[in-house]
Amino acid sequence: MSLLERLLIRRLRERDEVAFSEVVRLYQHKVYNLLYRMIGSHEEAEDLAQEVFVTVFKSIDTFRGESKFSTWLYRVAANHCKNRIKYLSRRSRTSGDGLDGVPEHSMEDAGSAPLQSHIDAPDKILEGLQLEKLLAQAIASLDEEHRLLIVLRDVEELSYQEIGEITSLNEGTVKSRLHRARMAIKEHIERNTK
């Protein structure tokens, strides 16, 4: 754990609101991106990110320091996300509307850098956008556990060890489930590009 993390945690435990603002500033984009890619709605991801940071502030005393602070924060975010997905699926079953599992914007819109830094021919741009949309749909079609693993490993580029700490899965299980999730994505893309 870095010196900065240790200082922030100590200040958070003292209920220092400036430290809380610093934690939000440092981690808001990563937390939001994780939540958006899991839920597919900007509004839900924004609301949920606020809840995650409030939970972190209220429950910082439960952080034991056995992993990096960011790993613990991702675990809190992942747990909130799973609960929200369950809530949204129950709500959509009873009301007949709600999320259909497909992100409303491309994954590029979630705050990451643009995928292309130069101008391509219009047909190449369209082809890239179609593939990006198809990939987003493929990820959204995964069950929440596989989607979380894909987002943590292939989007956020966390190590297998960090993912294991976040999900409470051993490294072998993480790798095998990631493989299954990647195969499901590949099959989805192949089915929809024929």
Protein backbone atom coordinates (compact mmCIF):
# COMPACT_ATOMS: atom_id res chain seq x y z
CA MET A 1 0.00 0.00 0.00
CA SER A 2 1.38 3.40 -0.98
CA LEU A 3 2.07 6.22 1.44
CA LEU A 4 -0.71 8.26 -0.17
CA GLU A 5 -3.22 5.44 0.39
CA ARG A 6 -2.17 5.04 4.02
CA LEU A 7 -2.55 8.77 4.68
CA LEU A 8 -5.92 8.92 2.97
CA ILE A 9 -7.20 5.92 4.90
CA ARG A 10 -6.03 7.38 8.21
CA ARG A 11 -7.74 10.68 7.39
CA LEU A 12 -10.91 8.89 6.25
CA ARG A 13 -11.02 7.02 9.55
CA GLU A 14 -10.88 10.41 11.26
CA ARG A 15 -13.93 11.38 9.12
CA ASP A 16 -11.95 14.03 7.23
CA GLU A 17 -14.25 15.28 4.46
CA VAL A 18 -11.31 16.73 2.48
CA ALA A 19 -9.80 13.24 2.38
CA PHE A 20 -13.17 11.90 1.21
CA SER A 21 -13.20 14.45 -1.63
CA GLU A 22 -9.67 13.39 -2.57
CA VAL A 23 -10.69 9.72 -2.68
CA VAL A 24 -13.64 10.60 -4.91
CA ARG A 25 -11.38 12.67 -7.19
CA LEU A 26 -8.79 9.88 -7.44
CA TYR A 27 -11.16 6.98 -8.04
CA GLN A 28 -14.45 8.34 -9.43
CA HIS A 29 -13.69 7.60 -13.07
CA LYS A 30 -12.56 4.02 -12.43
CA VAL A 31 -15.56 3.29 -10.22
CA TYR A 32 -17.98 4.92 -12.66
CA ASN A 33 -16.50 3.03 -15.62
CA LEU A 34 -16.81 -0.31 -13.81
CA LEU A 35 -20.42 0.40 -12.84
CA TYR A 36 -21.41 1.70 -16.26
CA ARG A 37 -19.94 -1.29 -18.04
CA MET A 38 -21.77 -3.62 -15.67
CA ILE A 39 -25.15 -1.87 -15.71
CA GLY A 40 -25.21 -0.10 -19.09
CA SER A 41 -26.98 3.04 -17.90
CA HIS A 42 -25.26 6.37 -17.28
CA GLU A 43 -27.87 7.48 -14.76
CA GLU A 44 -27.78 4.24 -12.77
CA ALA A 45 -23.96 4.24 -12.80
CA GLU A 46 -23.83 7.83 -11.52
CA ASP A 47 -26.31 7.10 -8.71
CA LEU A 48 -24.56 3.90 -7.79
CA ALA A 49 -21.11 5.54 -7.78
CA GLN A 50 -22.36 8.05 -5.22
CA GLU A 51 -23.67 5.21 -3.07
CA VAL A 52 -20.34 3.39 -3.34
CA PHE A 53 -18.36 6.40 -2.11
CA VAL A 54 -20.78 7.02 0.76
CA THR A 55 -20.43 3.37 1.76
CA VAL A 56 -16.64 3.65 1.61
CA PHE A 57 -16.74 6.72 3.84
CA LYS A 58 -19.08 5.05 6.35
CA SER A 59 -17.34 1.68 6.41
CA ILE A 60 -13.67 2.62 6.09
CA ASP A 61 -13.06 1.08 9.51
CA THR A 62 -13.76 -2.35 8.00
CA PHE A 63 -10.81 -1.96 5.59
CA ARG A 64 -8.07 -4.15 7.10
CA GLY A 65 -5.28 -3.17 4.73
CA GLU A 66 -4.63 -6.75 3.56
CA SER A 67 -4.99 -5.58 -0.06
CA LYS A 68 -4.64 -2.29 -1.88
CA PHE A 69 -7.28 0.29 -1.08
CA SER A 70 -8.32 0.38 -4.74
CA THR A 71 -8.94 -3.39 -4.65
CA TRP A 72 -11.19 -3.00 -1.61
CA LEU A 73 -12.98 -0.10 -3.32
CA TYR A 74 -13.60 -2.24 -6.40
CA ARG A 75 -15.01 -4.97 -4.16
CA VAL A 76 -17.43 -2.49 -2.57
CA ALA A 77 -18.40 -1.26 -6.06
CA ALA A 78 -18.84 -4.82 -7.38
CA ASN A 79 -21.08 -5.76 -4.43
CA HIS A 80 -23.21 -2.63 -4.88
CA CYS A 81 -23.43 -3.39 -8.58
CA LYS A 82 -24.60 -6.97 -8.04
CA ASN A 83 -27.28 -5.74 -5.66
CA ARG A 84 -28.43 -3.07 -8.12
CA ILE A 85 -28.59 -5.56 -10.99
CA LYS A 86 -30.79 -7.84 -8.87
CA TYR A 87 -32.99 -4.90 -7.93
CA LEU A 88 -33.30 -3.74 -11.55
CA SER A 89 -34.14 -7.23 -12.79
CA ARG A 90 -36.89 -7.58 -10.14
CA ARG A 91 -38.22 -4.12 -11.00
CA SER A 92 -38.25 -4.82 -14.75
CA ARG A 93 -40.11 -8.10 -14.19
CA THR A 94 -42.82 -6.38 -12.18
CA SER A 95 -43.14 -3.19 -14.24
CA GLY A 96 -42.45 -4.57 -17.70
CA ASP A 97 -39.82 -1.94 -18.48
CA GLY A 98 -36.29 -1.21 -17.40
CA LEU A 99 -32.88 -2.16 -18.64
CA ASP A 100 -32.61 -4.54 -21.53
CA GLY A 101 -29.00 -5.31 -20.77
CA VAL A 102 -27.57 -3.41 -23.73
CA PRO A 103 -25.57 -0.27 -22.92
CA GLU A 104 -27.27 2.86 -24.22
CA HIS A 105 -24.01 4.27 -25.56
CA SER A 106 -20.83 2.69 -26.80
CA MET A 107 -18.25 1.62 -24.24
CA GLU A 108 -16.07 4.50 -25.47
CA ASP A 109 -18.57 6.94 -23.94
CA ALA A 110 -17.81 5.70 -20.43
CA GLY A 111 -15.01 8.20 -19.95
CA SER A 112 -12.16 6.36 -21.60
CA ALA A 113 -9.96 7.84 -24.30
CA PRO A 114 -11.25 7.68 -27.88
CA LEU A 115 -10.32 4.51 -29.70
CA GLN A 116 -9.18 6.33 -32.83
CA SER A 117 -6.79 9.26 -32.82
CA HIS A 118 -6.74 9.82 -36.58
CA ILE A 119 -9.33 10.19 -39.31
CA ASP A 120 -10.21 7.03 -41.22
CA ALA A 121 -12.38 6.55 -44.25
CA PRO A 122 -16.10 6.68 -43.35
CA ASP A 123 -16.59 2.97 -44.09
CA LYS A 124 -13.76 2.05 -41.70
CA ILE A 125 -15.23 4.29 -38.99
CA LEU A 126 -18.68 2.73 -39.46
CA GLU A 127 -17.21 -0.77 -39.38
CA GLY A 128 -15.33 0.04 -36.16
CA LEU A 129 -18.45 1.50 -34.52
CA GLN A 130 -20.50 -1.55 -35.50
CA LEU A 131 -17.88 -3.90 -34.05
CA GLU A 132 -17.68 -1.79 -30.88
CA LYS A 133 -21.47 -1.90 -30.50
CA LEU A 134 -21.46 -5.66 -31.09
CA LEU A 135 -18.74 -6.11 -28.47
CA ALA A 136 -20.69 -4.00 -25.96
CA GLN A 137 -23.79 -6.12 -26.64
CA ALA A 138 -21.77 -9.32 -26.23
CA ILE A 139 -20.42 -8.17 -22.87
CA ALA A 140 -23.89 -7.04 -21.76
CA SER A 141 -25.29 -10.48 -22.65
CA LEU A 142 -22.98 -12.20 -20.15
CA ASP A 143 -24.25 -13.05 -16.69
CA GLU A 144 -23.14 -10.51 -14.09
CA GLU A 145 -20.30 -12.63 -12.70
CA HIS A 146 -18.68 -13.20 -16.09
CA ARG A 147 -19.27 -9.57 -17.09
CA LEU A 148 -17.53 -8.40 -13.91
CA LEU A 149 -14.51 -10.59 -14.64
CA ILE A 150 -14.26 -9.33 -18.23
CA VAL A 151 -14.51 -5.70 -17.14
CA LEU A 152 -11.96 -6.10 -14.33
CA ARG A 153 -9.42 -7.99 -16.46
CA ASP A 154 -9.85 -6.84 -20.05
CA VAL A 155 -11.08 -3.28 -19.53
CA GLU A 156 -9.59 -2.22 -16.19
CA GLU A 157 -6.54 -4.49 -16.72
CA LEU A 158 -6.36 -5.71 -13.12
CA SER A 159 -4.15 -8.67 -12.24
CA TYR A 160 -5.63 -12.10 -11.58
CA GLN A 161 -4.63 -11.71 -7.93
CA GLU A 162 -6.49 -8.38 -7.61
CA ILE A 163 -9.55 -9.85 -9.31
CA GLY A 164 -9.41 -12.78 -6.90
CA GLU A 165 -9.33 -10.39 -3.95
CA ILE A 166 -12.30 -8.45 -5.32
CA THR A 167 -14.42 -11.48 -6.18
CA SER A 168 -13.21 -13.93 -3.49
CA LEU A 169 -12.36 -16.45 -6.21
CA ASN A 170 -9.05 -18.29 -6.47
CA GLU A 171 -6.79 -17.49 -9.42
CA GLY A 172 -7.55 -20.73 -11.27
CA THR A 173 -11.28 -20.12 -11.04
CA VAL A 174 -10.84 -16.55 -12.27
CA LYS A 175 -8.85 -17.78 -15.29
CA SER A 176 -11.28 -20.55 -16.21
CA ARG A 177 -14.35 -18.29 -15.89
CA LEU A 178 -12.62 -15.58 -17.90
CA HIS A 179 -11.92 -18.13 -20.61
CA ARG A 180 -15.60 -19.15 -20.69
CA ALA A 181 -16.68 -15.49 -20.78
CA ARG A 182 -14.30 -14.72 -23.65
CA MET A 183 -15.56 -17.74 -25.58
CA ALA A 184 -19.16 -16.58 -25.05
CA ILE A 185 -18.22 -13.12 -26.37
CA LYS A 186 -16.50 -14.69 -29.38
CA GLU A 187 -19.56 -16.87 -30.12
CA HIS A 188 -21.90 -13.88 -29.77
CA ILE A 189 -19.83 -11.84 -32.22
CA GLU A 190 -19.54 -14.73 -34.70
CA ARG A 191 -23.32 -15.34 -34.54
CA ASN A 192 -24.08 -11.70 -35.19
CA THR A 193 -21.57 -11.03 -37.97
CA LYS A 194 -22.70 -13.74 -40.37
